[in-house]
Amino acid sequence: MSEAYDYNPMPHKLDMQCPNCKAHASFEFGEVVKISLKKDIPFFQQSPLFEYMLLTDSCGHKWHGAFYFAGLHGGSVTSISELPEGYRRNMWEHSQYKRSNHQLDIGSFSCSSCKSQKFHYLNWPEDAHFQIEYKGKILWAYNRESCRELQSFIASNDRKENKYNWASFLLHIPSIFKSKKARELVSKKLTKALS
């Protein structure tokens, strides 16, 4: 797990290291909506609530996007009030049923230690708060819950992924971290990371 893997979608919120003070910070992916009409672009460019970006799709076509970072606005879309015709604030709500553009790795973080709240380009897994090193390889977890399950799974003699909430995540742990020789040290390092 020294790299992010495409076949296991990332959660909408992650635990990361604050880029400013290296303490624990919370990251939330931004939500983007395509700006349909050119006449609406100035509204999103001038709005303090949105970040306007010219984006490129997988076919090389350019498109205009309006990003909203709920993590910078109390965690919801309630601060969005006036919008051009044809847009509704719920278009920027995160939904587990809507495929977000996480491949863009754009979001915001907030740090409870230094109080920073900023727009951020995620550099995963380097930004991961829960990460340990073993034999030159990095093992990471998305958040505290996935790290707890990872630690429990590594420490276990009976490694049945399907009994864990984070089973799809645990399925992709490289074997170097699961070896009998690694078990005790990796488990201790994960326990320390959780404390």
N, C-alpha and C. Protein backbone atom coordinates (compact mmCIF):
# COMPACT_ATOMS: atom_id res chain seq x y z
N MET A 1 0.82 -1.19 0.00
CA MET A 1 0.00 0.00 0.00
C MET A 1 0.86 1.24 0.00
N SER A 2 1.92 1.20 -0.75
CA SER A 2 2.76 2.38 -0.85
C SER A 2 2.26 3.31 -1.94
N GLU A 3 1.13 2.97 -2.55
CA GLU A 3 0.53 3.85 -3.54
C GLU A 3 -0.98 3.71 -3.46
N ALA A 4 -1.67 4.72 -3.95
CA ALA A 4 -3.13 4.65 -3.99
C ALA A 4 -3.53 3.71 -5.11
N TYR A 5 -4.62 3.00 -4.94
CA TYR A 5 -5.02 2.04 -5.96
C TYR A 5 -6.39 2.40 -6.50
N ASP A 6 -6.51 2.32 -7.83
CA ASP A 6 -7.71 2.76 -8.53
C ASP A 6 -8.94 1.90 -8.25
N TYR A 7 -8.74 0.62 -7.97
CA TYR A 7 -9.89 -0.28 -7.87
C TYR A 7 -10.57 -0.24 -6.51
N ASN A 8 -10.12 0.59 -5.61
CA ASN A 8 -10.73 0.68 -4.29
C ASN A 8 -11.08 2.15 -4.05
N PRO A 9 -12.30 2.58 -4.34
CA PRO A 9 -12.63 4.00 -4.23
C PRO A 9 -12.36 4.56 -2.84
N MET A 10 -11.84 5.77 -2.83
CA MET A 10 -11.53 6.43 -1.56
C MET A 10 -12.80 6.95 -0.92
N PRO A 11 -12.83 6.98 0.42
CA PRO A 11 -13.97 7.60 1.10
C PRO A 11 -14.00 9.11 0.81
N HIS A 12 -15.13 9.74 1.05
CA HIS A 12 -15.29 11.17 0.80
C HIS A 12 -14.47 12.01 1.78
N LYS A 13 -14.27 11.49 2.99
CA LYS A 13 -13.49 12.20 4.01
C LYS A 13 -12.32 11.32 4.43
N LEU A 14 -11.17 11.95 4.63
CA LEU A 14 -9.94 11.25 5.00
C LEU A 14 -9.26 11.95 6.17
N ASP A 15 -8.42 11.21 6.87
CA ASP A 15 -7.56 11.81 7.89
C ASP A 15 -6.19 12.02 7.26
N MET A 16 -5.70 13.24 7.34
CA MET A 16 -4.42 13.57 6.72
C MET A 16 -3.53 14.34 7.69
N GLN A 17 -2.27 14.50 7.31
CA GLN A 17 -1.35 15.35 8.06
C GLN A 17 -1.56 16.78 7.59
N CYS A 18 -1.65 17.69 8.53
CA CYS A 18 -1.76 19.10 8.17
C CYS A 18 -0.49 19.52 7.45
N PRO A 19 -0.59 20.13 6.27
CA PRO A 19 0.60 20.57 5.55
C PRO A 19 1.39 21.66 6.29
N ASN A 20 0.71 22.34 7.22
CA ASN A 20 1.35 23.44 7.95
C ASN A 20 2.08 22.97 9.21
N CYS A 21 1.39 22.17 10.04
CA CYS A 21 1.97 21.80 11.35
C CYS A 21 2.18 20.30 11.53
N LYS A 22 1.79 19.48 10.55
CA LYS A 22 1.95 18.01 10.56
C LYS A 22 1.06 17.31 11.59
N ALA A 23 0.15 18.03 12.22
CA ALA A 23 -0.80 17.41 13.16
C ALA A 23 -1.93 16.77 12.35
N HIS A 24 -2.84 16.12 13.05
CA HIS A 24 -3.99 15.49 12.41
C HIS A 24 -4.91 16.56 11.82
N ALA A 25 -5.34 16.34 10.59
CA ALA A 25 -6.29 17.23 9.93
C ALA A 25 -7.33 16.38 9.21
N SER A 26 -8.48 16.98 8.95
CA SER A 26 -9.55 16.29 8.23
C SER A 26 -9.61 16.84 6.81
N PHE A 27 -9.64 15.93 5.84
CA PHE A 27 -9.74 16.30 4.44
C PHE A 27 -11.09 15.86 3.92
N GLU A 28 -11.71 16.72 3.11
CA GLU A 28 -12.97 16.36 2.45
C GLU A 28 -12.86 16.74 0.97
N PHE A 29 -13.20 15.80 0.10
CA PHE A 29 -13.18 16.09 -1.32
C PHE A 29 -14.19 17.18 -1.67
N GLY A 30 -13.83 18.02 -2.61
CA GLY A 30 -14.76 19.02 -3.12
C GLY A 30 -15.72 18.39 -4.11
N GLU A 31 -16.84 19.03 -4.29
CA GLU A 31 -17.83 18.57 -5.27
C GLU A 31 -17.85 19.57 -6.42
N VAL A 32 -17.84 19.07 -7.62
CA VAL A 32 -17.82 19.93 -8.80
C VAL A 32 -19.07 19.72 -9.64
N VAL A 33 -19.57 20.83 -10.17
CA VAL A 33 -20.72 20.80 -11.07
C VAL A 33 -20.29 21.49 -12.36
N LYS A 34 -20.65 20.89 -13.47
CA LYS A 34 -20.33 21.47 -14.78
C LYS A 34 -21.15 22.75 -14.98
N ILE A 35 -20.47 23.80 -15.40
CA ILE A 35 -21.15 25.06 -15.72
C ILE A 35 -21.65 24.93 -17.16
N SER A 36 -22.97 24.91 -17.30
CA SER A 36 -23.55 24.63 -18.61
C SER A 36 -23.47 25.78 -19.60
N LEU A 37 -23.63 27.00 -19.11
CA LEU A 37 -23.68 28.15 -20.02
C LEU A 37 -22.52 29.11 -19.74
N LYS A 38 -21.89 29.60 -20.81
CA LYS A 38 -20.76 30.52 -20.66
C LYS A 38 -21.15 31.78 -19.88
N LYS A 39 -22.41 32.21 -20.02
CA LYS A 39 -22.85 33.42 -19.33
C LYS A 39 -22.84 33.25 -17.80
N ASP A 40 -22.80 32.00 -17.30
CA ASP A 40 -22.78 31.74 -15.86
C ASP A 40 -21.37 31.72 -15.28
N ILE A 41 -20.36 31.64 -16.14
CA ILE A 41 -18.97 31.55 -15.65
C ILE A 41 -18.60 32.71 -14.74
N PRO A 42 -18.88 33.98 -15.10
CA PRO A 42 -18.49 35.09 -14.21
C PRO A 42 -19.07 34.98 -12.79
N PHE A 43 -20.31 34.46 -12.69
CA PHE A 43 -20.91 34.31 -11.36
C PHE A 43 -20.02 33.42 -10.49
N PHE A 44 -19.61 32.26 -11.02
CA PHE A 44 -18.81 31.32 -10.24
C PHE A 44 -17.38 31.81 -10.03
N GLN A 45 -16.86 32.57 -10.98
CA GLN A 45 -15.51 33.13 -10.83
C GLN A 45 -15.48 34.16 -9.71
N GLN A 46 -16.56 34.92 -9.56
CA GLN A 46 -16.59 36.01 -8.58
C GLN A 46 -17.14 35.60 -7.22
N SER A 47 -17.79 34.47 -7.14
CA SER A 47 -18.40 34.04 -5.88
C SER A 47 -17.34 33.61 -4.87
N PRO A 48 -17.45 34.07 -3.62
CA PRO A 48 -16.51 33.62 -2.58
C PRO A 48 -16.77 32.18 -2.12
N LEU A 49 -17.89 31.60 -2.53
CA LEU A 49 -18.24 30.24 -2.11
C LEU A 49 -17.72 29.16 -3.05
N PHE A 50 -17.40 29.55 -4.29
CA PHE A 50 -17.01 28.58 -5.29
C PHE A 50 -15.61 28.83 -5.79
N GLU A 51 -15.02 27.76 -6.30
CA GLU A 51 -13.72 27.84 -6.97
C GLU A 51 -13.98 27.44 -8.41
N TYR A 52 -13.73 28.38 -9.33
CA TYR A 52 -13.92 28.10 -10.74
C TYR A 52 -12.66 27.45 -11.30
N MET A 53 -12.81 26.41 -12.15
CA MET A 53 -11.67 25.79 -12.81
C MET A 53 -12.06 25.37 -14.22
N LEU A 54 -11.10 25.51 -15.13
CA LEU A 54 -11.25 24.98 -16.47
C LEU A 54 -10.63 23.59 -16.43
N LEU A 55 -11.41 22.58 -16.70
CA LEU A 55 -10.99 21.18 -16.55
C LEU A 55 -10.95 20.47 -17.90
N THR A 56 -10.29 19.34 -17.93
CA THR A 56 -10.19 18.54 -19.15
C THR A 56 -10.69 17.13 -18.84
N ASP A 57 -11.60 16.62 -19.66
CA ASP A 57 -12.10 15.26 -19.43
C ASP A 57 -11.14 14.23 -20.02
N SER A 58 -11.48 12.96 -19.88
CA SER A 58 -10.59 11.88 -20.32
C SER A 58 -10.40 11.85 -21.84
N CYS A 59 -11.27 12.50 -22.58
CA CYS A 59 -11.14 12.56 -24.05
C CYS A 59 -10.39 13.81 -24.51
N GLY A 60 -9.99 14.65 -23.57
CA GLY A 60 -9.27 15.87 -23.92
C GLY A 60 -10.16 17.08 -24.14
N HIS A 61 -11.47 16.95 -23.89
CA HIS A 61 -12.40 18.08 -24.05
C HIS A 61 -12.34 18.97 -22.81
N LYS A 62 -12.32 20.27 -23.03
CA LYS A 62 -12.32 21.24 -21.93
C LYS A 62 -13.75 21.47 -21.45
N TRP A 63 -13.88 21.67 -20.14
CA TRP A 63 -15.17 22.02 -19.58
C TRP A 63 -14.98 22.91 -18.35
N HIS A 64 -15.99 23.72 -18.07
CA HIS A 64 -15.94 24.68 -16.97
C HIS A 64 -16.60 24.07 -15.75
N GLY A 65 -15.90 24.12 -14.62
CA GLY A 65 -16.44 23.52 -13.40
C GLY A 65 -16.49 24.51 -12.25
N ALA A 66 -17.50 24.37 -11.42
CA ALA A 66 -17.64 25.16 -10.20
C ALA A 66 -17.50 24.21 -9.01
N PHE A 67 -16.41 24.35 -8.28
CA PHE A 67 -16.16 23.52 -7.09
C PHE A 67 -16.74 24.18 -5.85
N TYR A 68 -17.28 23.34 -4.99
CA TYR A 68 -17.73 23.79 -3.67
C TYR A 68 -17.06 22.89 -2.65
N PHE A 69 -16.50 23.52 -1.62
CA PHE A 69 -15.79 22.78 -0.57
C PHE A 69 -16.58 22.89 0.73
N ALA A 70 -17.41 21.89 0.98
CA ALA A 70 -18.26 21.89 2.17
C ALA A 70 -17.42 21.97 3.44
N GLY A 71 -16.22 21.39 3.42
CA GLY A 71 -15.35 21.43 4.59
C GLY A 71 -14.95 22.83 5.00
N LEU A 72 -15.03 23.78 4.09
CA LEU A 72 -14.70 25.18 4.40
C LEU A 72 -15.94 25.98 4.78
N HIS A 73 -17.11 25.35 4.67
CA HIS A 73 -18.37 26.05 4.92
C HIS A 73 -19.26 25.29 5.88
N GLY A 74 -18.70 24.81 6.95
CA GLY A 74 -19.48 24.14 7.98
C GLY A 74 -19.94 22.74 7.64
N GLY A 75 -19.39 22.16 6.58
CA GLY A 75 -19.70 20.77 6.25
C GLY A 75 -20.99 20.55 5.50
N SER A 76 -21.62 21.62 5.02
CA SER A 76 -22.87 21.43 4.28
C SER A 76 -22.98 22.47 3.16
N VAL A 77 -24.07 22.36 2.40
CA VAL A 77 -24.30 23.30 1.30
C VAL A 77 -25.24 24.43 1.71
N THR A 78 -25.57 24.54 2.99
CA THR A 78 -26.54 25.54 3.43
C THR A 78 -26.07 26.98 3.21
N SER A 79 -24.76 27.19 3.09
CA SER A 79 -24.29 28.56 2.86
C SER A 79 -24.50 29.02 1.42
N ILE A 80 -24.85 28.09 0.52
CA ILE A 80 -25.15 28.46 -0.86
C ILE A 80 -26.58 28.98 -0.91
N SER A 81 -26.74 30.23 -1.33
CA SER A 81 -28.11 30.77 -1.40
C SER A 81 -28.47 31.15 -2.83
N GLU A 82 -27.90 32.22 -3.35
CA GLU A 82 -28.25 32.65 -4.71
C GLU A 82 -27.40 31.92 -5.74
N LEU A 83 -28.07 31.45 -6.77
CA LEU A 83 -27.40 30.75 -7.87
C LEU A 83 -28.03 31.18 -9.19
N PRO A 84 -27.28 31.09 -10.28
CA PRO A 84 -27.90 31.37 -11.59
C PRO A 84 -29.03 30.37 -11.86
N GLU A 85 -29.90 30.73 -12.76
CA GLU A 85 -31.03 29.86 -13.12
C GLU A 85 -30.52 28.51 -13.63
N GLY A 86 -31.16 27.44 -13.19
CA GLY A 86 -30.79 26.10 -13.64
C GLY A 86 -29.89 25.35 -12.66
N TYR A 87 -29.44 26.02 -11.60
CA TYR A 87 -28.58 25.37 -10.60
C TYR A 87 -29.32 25.31 -9.26
N ARG A 88 -29.13 24.24 -8.55
CA ARG A 88 -29.69 24.07 -7.20
C ARG A 88 -28.55 23.73 -6.25
N ARG A 89 -28.62 24.20 -5.04
CA ARG A 89 -27.50 23.96 -4.11
C ARG A 89 -27.26 22.47 -3.85
N ASN A 90 -28.31 21.66 -3.93
CA ASN A 90 -28.10 20.23 -3.67
C ASN A 90 -27.27 19.55 -4.76
N MET A 91 -27.00 20.26 -5.87
CA MET A 91 -26.14 19.71 -6.92
C MET A 91 -24.71 19.54 -6.39
N TRP A 92 -24.36 20.30 -5.33
CA TRP A 92 -23.01 20.22 -4.75
C TRP A 92 -22.97 19.37 -3.48
N GLU A 93 -24.08 18.73 -3.15
CA GLU A 93 -24.09 17.85 -1.97
C GLU A 93 -23.38 16.55 -2.30
N HIS A 94 -22.66 16.05 -1.32
CA HIS A 94 -22.04 14.73 -1.50
C HIS A 94 -23.11 13.68 -1.28
N SER A 95 -23.11 12.69 -2.13
CA SER A 95 -24.02 11.56 -1.99
C SER A 95 -23.24 10.29 -2.25
N GLN A 96 -23.47 9.27 -1.43
CA GLN A 96 -22.77 8.01 -1.65
C GLN A 96 -23.20 7.35 -2.96
N TYR A 97 -24.31 7.80 -3.52
CA TYR A 97 -24.81 7.21 -4.76
C TYR A 97 -24.33 7.96 -5.99
N LYS A 98 -23.74 9.13 -5.80
CA LYS A 98 -23.25 9.93 -6.91
C LYS A 98 -21.74 9.75 -6.99
N ARG A 99 -21.24 9.44 -8.14
CA ARG A 99 -19.78 9.27 -8.31
C ARG A 99 -19.13 10.64 -8.34
N SER A 100 -18.37 10.94 -7.30
CA SER A 100 -17.67 12.21 -7.23
C SER A 100 -16.42 12.16 -8.10
N ASN A 101 -15.90 13.31 -8.42
CA ASN A 101 -14.70 13.41 -9.23
C ASN A 101 -13.46 13.32 -8.35
N HIS A 102 -13.36 12.28 -7.54
CA HIS A 102 -12.22 12.13 -6.65
C HIS A 102 -10.92 11.95 -7.41
N GLN A 103 -11.01 11.53 -8.66
CA GLN A 103 -9.79 11.39 -9.43
C GLN A 103 -9.11 12.75 -9.59
N LEU A 104 -9.82 13.84 -9.31
CA LEU A 104 -9.24 15.17 -9.39
C LEU A 104 -8.41 15.49 -8.14
N ASP A 105 -8.61 14.77 -7.05
CA ASP A 105 -7.84 14.95 -5.81
C ASP A 105 -7.88 16.37 -5.28
N ILE A 106 -9.00 17.04 -5.43
CA ILE A 106 -9.15 18.41 -4.96
C ILE A 106 -10.16 18.45 -3.83
N GLY A 107 -9.80 19.12 -2.76
CA GLY A 107 -10.70 19.24 -1.64
C GLY A 107 -10.22 20.32 -0.69
N SER A 108 -10.60 20.18 0.56
CA SER A 108 -10.18 21.14 1.57
C SER A 108 -9.83 20.37 2.84
N PHE A 109 -9.01 20.99 3.66
CA PHE A 109 -8.67 20.38 4.94
C PHE A 109 -8.90 21.39 6.05
N SER A 110 -9.12 20.86 7.23
CA SER A 110 -9.19 21.69 8.42
C SER A 110 -8.39 21.00 9.52
N CYS A 111 -7.57 21.79 10.19
CA CYS A 111 -6.69 21.28 11.24
C CYS A 111 -7.14 21.84 12.58
N SER A 112 -7.40 20.96 13.53
CA SER A 112 -7.84 21.42 14.85
C SER A 112 -6.66 21.95 15.67
N SER A 113 -5.45 21.62 15.28
CA SER A 113 -4.27 22.06 16.02
C SER A 113 -3.87 23.51 15.69
N CYS A 114 -3.59 23.78 14.41
CA CYS A 114 -3.16 25.14 14.02
C CYS A 114 -4.32 25.98 13.47
N LYS A 115 -5.52 25.38 13.42
CA LYS A 115 -6.76 26.04 12.97
C LYS A 115 -6.77 26.41 11.49
N SER A 116 -5.88 25.83 10.69
CA SER A 116 -5.88 26.09 9.25
C SER A 116 -7.10 25.45 8.61
N GLN A 117 -7.67 26.15 7.66
CA GLN A 117 -8.76 25.64 6.82
C GLN A 117 -8.47 26.15 5.42
N LYS A 118 -8.12 25.23 4.53
CA LYS A 118 -7.70 25.67 3.20
C LYS A 118 -8.09 24.66 2.12
N PHE A 119 -8.12 25.17 0.92
CA PHE A 119 -8.24 24.38 -0.30
C PHE A 119 -6.95 23.55 -0.40
N HIS A 120 -7.04 22.29 -0.89
CA HIS A 120 -5.85 21.43 -0.90
C HIS A 120 -5.92 20.42 -2.05
N TYR A 121 -4.80 20.27 -2.76
CA TYR A 121 -4.65 19.18 -3.73
C TYR A 121 -4.09 17.99 -2.97
N LEU A 122 -4.85 16.93 -2.88
CA LEU A 122 -4.46 15.76 -2.12
C LEU A 122 -3.32 15.01 -2.81
N ASN A 123 -2.32 14.65 -2.04
CA ASN A 123 -1.19 13.87 -2.53
C ASN A 123 -1.19 12.56 -1.72
N TRP A 124 -1.98 11.61 -2.17
CA TRP A 124 -2.19 10.37 -1.42
C TRP A 124 -1.29 9.27 -1.98
N PRO A 125 -0.65 8.50 -1.15
CA PRO A 125 -0.80 8.34 0.30
C PRO A 125 0.17 9.18 1.13
N GLU A 126 0.97 10.04 0.48
CA GLU A 126 1.93 10.84 1.24
C GLU A 126 1.26 11.71 2.29
N ASP A 127 0.03 12.18 2.04
CA ASP A 127 -0.69 13.03 2.99
C ASP A 127 -1.35 12.25 4.12
N ALA A 128 -1.39 10.94 4.03
CA ALA A 128 -2.12 10.12 5.02
C ALA A 128 -1.61 10.37 6.44
N HIS A 129 -2.53 10.61 7.35
CA HIS A 129 -2.17 10.77 8.76
C HIS A 129 -1.77 9.43 9.38
N PHE A 130 -2.54 8.40 9.05
CA PHE A 130 -2.27 7.07 9.59
C PHE A 130 -1.40 6.31 8.60
N GLN A 131 -0.11 6.34 8.83
CA GLN A 131 0.83 5.61 7.98
C GLN A 131 2.04 5.19 8.80
N ILE A 132 2.57 4.03 8.44
CA ILE A 132 3.77 3.53 9.09
C ILE A 132 4.72 3.04 8.01
N GLU A 133 5.98 2.89 8.39
CA GLU A 133 6.98 2.39 7.46
C GLU A 133 7.47 1.04 7.97
N TYR A 134 7.62 0.10 7.05
CA TYR A 134 8.17 -1.21 7.38
C TYR A 134 9.00 -1.67 6.19
N LYS A 135 10.28 -1.91 6.42
CA LYS A 135 11.21 -2.37 5.38
C LYS A 135 11.16 -1.49 4.13
N GLY A 136 11.11 -0.18 4.36
CA GLY A 136 11.13 0.77 3.25
C GLY A 136 9.81 0.94 2.52
N LYS A 137 8.77 0.27 2.97
CA LYS A 137 7.44 0.37 2.35
C LYS A 137 6.50 1.08 3.31
N ILE A 138 5.54 1.80 2.75
CA ILE A 138 4.58 2.54 3.56
C ILE A 138 3.23 1.81 3.57
N LEU A 139 2.71 1.63 4.77
CA LEU A 139 1.37 1.08 4.97
C LEU A 139 0.52 2.21 5.51
N TRP A 140 -0.61 2.46 4.91
CA TRP A 140 -1.45 3.59 5.30
C TRP A 140 -2.91 3.17 5.45
N ALA A 141 -3.66 4.04 6.12
CA ALA A 141 -5.10 3.84 6.27
C ALA A 141 -5.79 5.17 5.99
N TYR A 142 -7.04 5.09 5.54
CA TYR A 142 -7.80 6.29 5.18
C TYR A 142 -8.13 7.18 6.37
N ASN A 143 -8.48 6.53 7.49
CA ASN A 143 -8.94 7.28 8.66
C ASN A 143 -8.77 6.39 9.90
N ARG A 144 -9.17 6.92 11.07
CA ARG A 144 -8.99 6.18 12.32
C ARG A 144 -9.71 4.84 12.29
N GLU A 145 -10.93 4.80 11.80
CA GLU A 145 -11.70 3.55 11.77
C GLU A 145 -11.00 2.49 10.91
N SER A 146 -10.55 2.88 9.72
CA SER A 146 -9.88 1.90 8.85
C SER A 146 -8.53 1.49 9.43
N CYS A 147 -7.88 2.40 10.16
CA CYS A 147 -6.60 2.06 10.80
C CYS A 147 -6.81 1.06 11.95
N ARG A 148 -7.89 1.25 12.71
CA ARG A 148 -8.20 0.29 13.79
C ARG A 148 -8.43 -1.11 13.22
N GLU A 149 -9.20 -1.17 12.15
CA GLU A 149 -9.46 -2.48 11.53
C GLU A 149 -8.20 -3.06 10.91
N LEU A 150 -7.37 -2.22 10.33
CA LEU A 150 -6.10 -2.67 9.76
C LEU A 150 -5.22 -3.26 10.85
N GLN A 151 -5.13 -2.58 11.99
CA GLN A 151 -4.32 -3.07 13.11
C GLN A 151 -4.88 -4.40 13.62
N SER A 152 -6.18 -4.48 13.78
CA SER A 152 -6.81 -5.71 14.26
C SER A 152 -6.58 -6.86 13.28
N PHE A 153 -6.69 -6.57 12.01
CA PHE A 153 -6.50 -7.57 10.96
C PHE A 153 -5.06 -8.08 10.95
N ILE A 154 -4.09 -7.17 11.02
CA ILE A 154 -2.67 -7.55 11.01
C ILE A 154 -2.34 -8.39 12.25
N ALA A 155 -2.87 -8.01 13.41
CA ALA A 155 -2.57 -8.71 14.67
C ALA A 155 -3.25 -10.07 14.76
N SER A 156 -4.28 -10.28 13.98
CA SER A 156 -5.09 -11.49 14.06
C SER A 156 -4.39 -12.71 13.44
N ASN A 157 -4.62 -13.86 14.06
CA ASN A 157 -4.17 -15.13 13.48
C ASN A 157 -5.16 -15.59 12.42
N ASP A 158 -6.42 -15.20 12.62
CA ASP A 158 -7.52 -15.58 11.73
C ASP A 158 -7.84 -14.38 10.84
N ARG A 159 -7.26 -14.32 9.67
CA ARG A 159 -7.40 -13.13 8.82
C ARG A 159 -8.51 -13.33 7.79
N LYS A 160 -9.72 -13.11 8.22
CA LYS A 160 -10.88 -13.20 7.33
C LYS A 160 -11.40 -11.79 7.10
N GLU A 161 -11.08 -11.23 5.93
CA GLU A 161 -11.43 -9.85 5.61
C GLU A 161 -12.93 -9.59 5.71
N ASN A 162 -13.74 -10.59 5.35
CA ASN A 162 -15.18 -10.37 5.27
C ASN A 162 -15.85 -10.09 6.61
N LYS A 163 -15.15 -10.25 7.71
CA LYS A 163 -15.76 -9.92 9.01
C LYS A 163 -15.48 -8.47 9.42
N TYR A 164 -14.84 -7.72 8.55
CA TYR A 164 -14.51 -6.32 8.83
C TYR A 164 -15.34 -5.38 7.95
N ASN A 165 -15.64 -4.19 8.50
CA ASN A 165 -16.35 -3.17 7.73
C ASN A 165 -15.52 -2.68 6.54
N TRP A 166 -14.20 -2.69 6.69
CA TRP A 166 -13.29 -2.20 5.66
C TRP A 166 -12.69 -3.37 4.87
N ALA A 167 -13.49 -4.39 4.62
CA ALA A 167 -13.01 -5.60 3.95
C ALA A 167 -12.36 -5.33 2.60
N SER A 168 -12.97 -4.49 1.77
CA SER A 168 -12.40 -4.24 0.44
C SER A 168 -11.04 -3.54 0.55
N PHE A 169 -10.86 -2.73 1.56
CA PHE A 169 -9.58 -2.07 1.82
C PHE A 169 -8.55 -3.11 2.27
N LEU A 170 -8.94 -3.99 3.18
CA LEU A 170 -8.02 -4.99 3.74
C LEU A 170 -7.60 -6.03 2.70
N LEU A 171 -8.43 -6.26 1.70
CA LEU A 171 -8.09 -7.23 0.65
C LEU A 171 -6.83 -6.86 -0.13
N HIS A 172 -6.49 -5.58 -0.13
CA HIS A 172 -5.40 -5.10 -0.98
C HIS A 172 -4.11 -4.78 -0.22
N ILE A 173 -3.99 -5.27 1.00
CA ILE A 173 -2.77 -5.04 1.76
C ILE A 173 -1.65 -5.90 1.17
N PRO A 174 -0.53 -5.30 0.81
CA PRO A 174 0.57 -6.09 0.26
C PRO A 174 1.06 -7.14 1.26
N SER A 175 1.49 -8.25 0.75
CA SER A 175 1.88 -9.39 1.59
C SER A 175 3.06 -9.10 2.51
N ILE A 176 3.91 -8.13 2.16
CA ILE A 176 5.05 -7.82 3.04
C ILE A 176 4.58 -7.44 4.44
N PHE A 177 3.41 -6.79 4.55
CA PHE A 177 2.89 -6.36 5.85
C PHE A 177 2.14 -7.48 6.57
N LYS A 178 1.76 -8.54 5.84
CA LYS A 178 0.97 -9.62 6.42
C LYS A 178 1.81 -10.83 6.80
N SER A 179 3.09 -10.79 6.52
CA SER A 179 3.92 -11.96 6.82
C SER A 179 4.00 -12.19 8.33
N LYS A 180 4.29 -13.42 8.70
CA LYS A 180 4.39 -13.78 10.12
C LYS A 180 5.50 -12.97 10.80
N LYS A 181 6.60 -12.76 10.08
CA LYS A 181 7.72 -11.98 10.62
C LYS A 181 7.32 -10.53 10.88
N ALA A 182 6.46 -9.99 10.04
CA ALA A 182 6.08 -8.57 10.15
C ALA A 182 5.00 -8.33 11.20
N ARG A 183 4.20 -9.35 11.49
CA ARG A 183 2.99 -9.18 12.29
C ARG A 183 3.18 -8.36 13.56
N GLU A 184 4.12 -8.73 14.42
CA GLU A 184 4.26 -8.07 15.71
C GLU A 184 4.68 -6.61 15.56
N LEU A 185 5.71 -6.36 14.75
CA LEU A 185 6.21 -5.00 14.60
C LEU A 185 5.20 -4.09 13.89
N VAL A 186 4.59 -4.57 12.83
CA VAL A 186 3.60 -3.78 12.11
C VAL A 186 2.41 -3.48 13.00
N SER A 187 1.95 -4.45 13.76
CA SER A 187 0.84 -4.26 14.67
C SER A 187 1.17 -3.23 15.74
N LYS A 188 2.39 -3.28 16.30
CA LYS A 188 2.80 -2.29 17.32
C LYS A 188 2.86 -0.90 16.72
N LYS A 189 3.39 -0.78 15.51
CA LYS A 189 3.49 0.54 14.87
C LYS A 189 2.10 1.12 14.60
N LEU A 190 1.16 0.28 14.18
CA LEU A 190 -0.20 0.76 13.94
C LEU A 190 -0.87 1.17 15.25
N THR A 191 -0.63 0.40 16.31
CA THR A 191 -1.18 0.77 17.63
C THR A 191 -0.65 2.13 18.06
N LYS A 192 0.64 2.34 17.85
CA LYS A 192 1.26 3.62 18.22
C LYS A 192 0.66 4.76 17.37
N ALA A 193 0.46 4.52 16.09
CA ALA A 193 -0.13 5.53 15.21
C ALA A 193 -1.54 5.92 15.66
N LEU A 194 -2.25 4.98 16.24
CA LEU A 194 -3.61 5.22 16.72
C LEU A 194 -3.66 5.97 18.05
N SER A 195 -2.55 5.94 18.81
CA SER A 195 -2.58 6.57 20.15
C SER A 195 -2.40 8.07 20.09
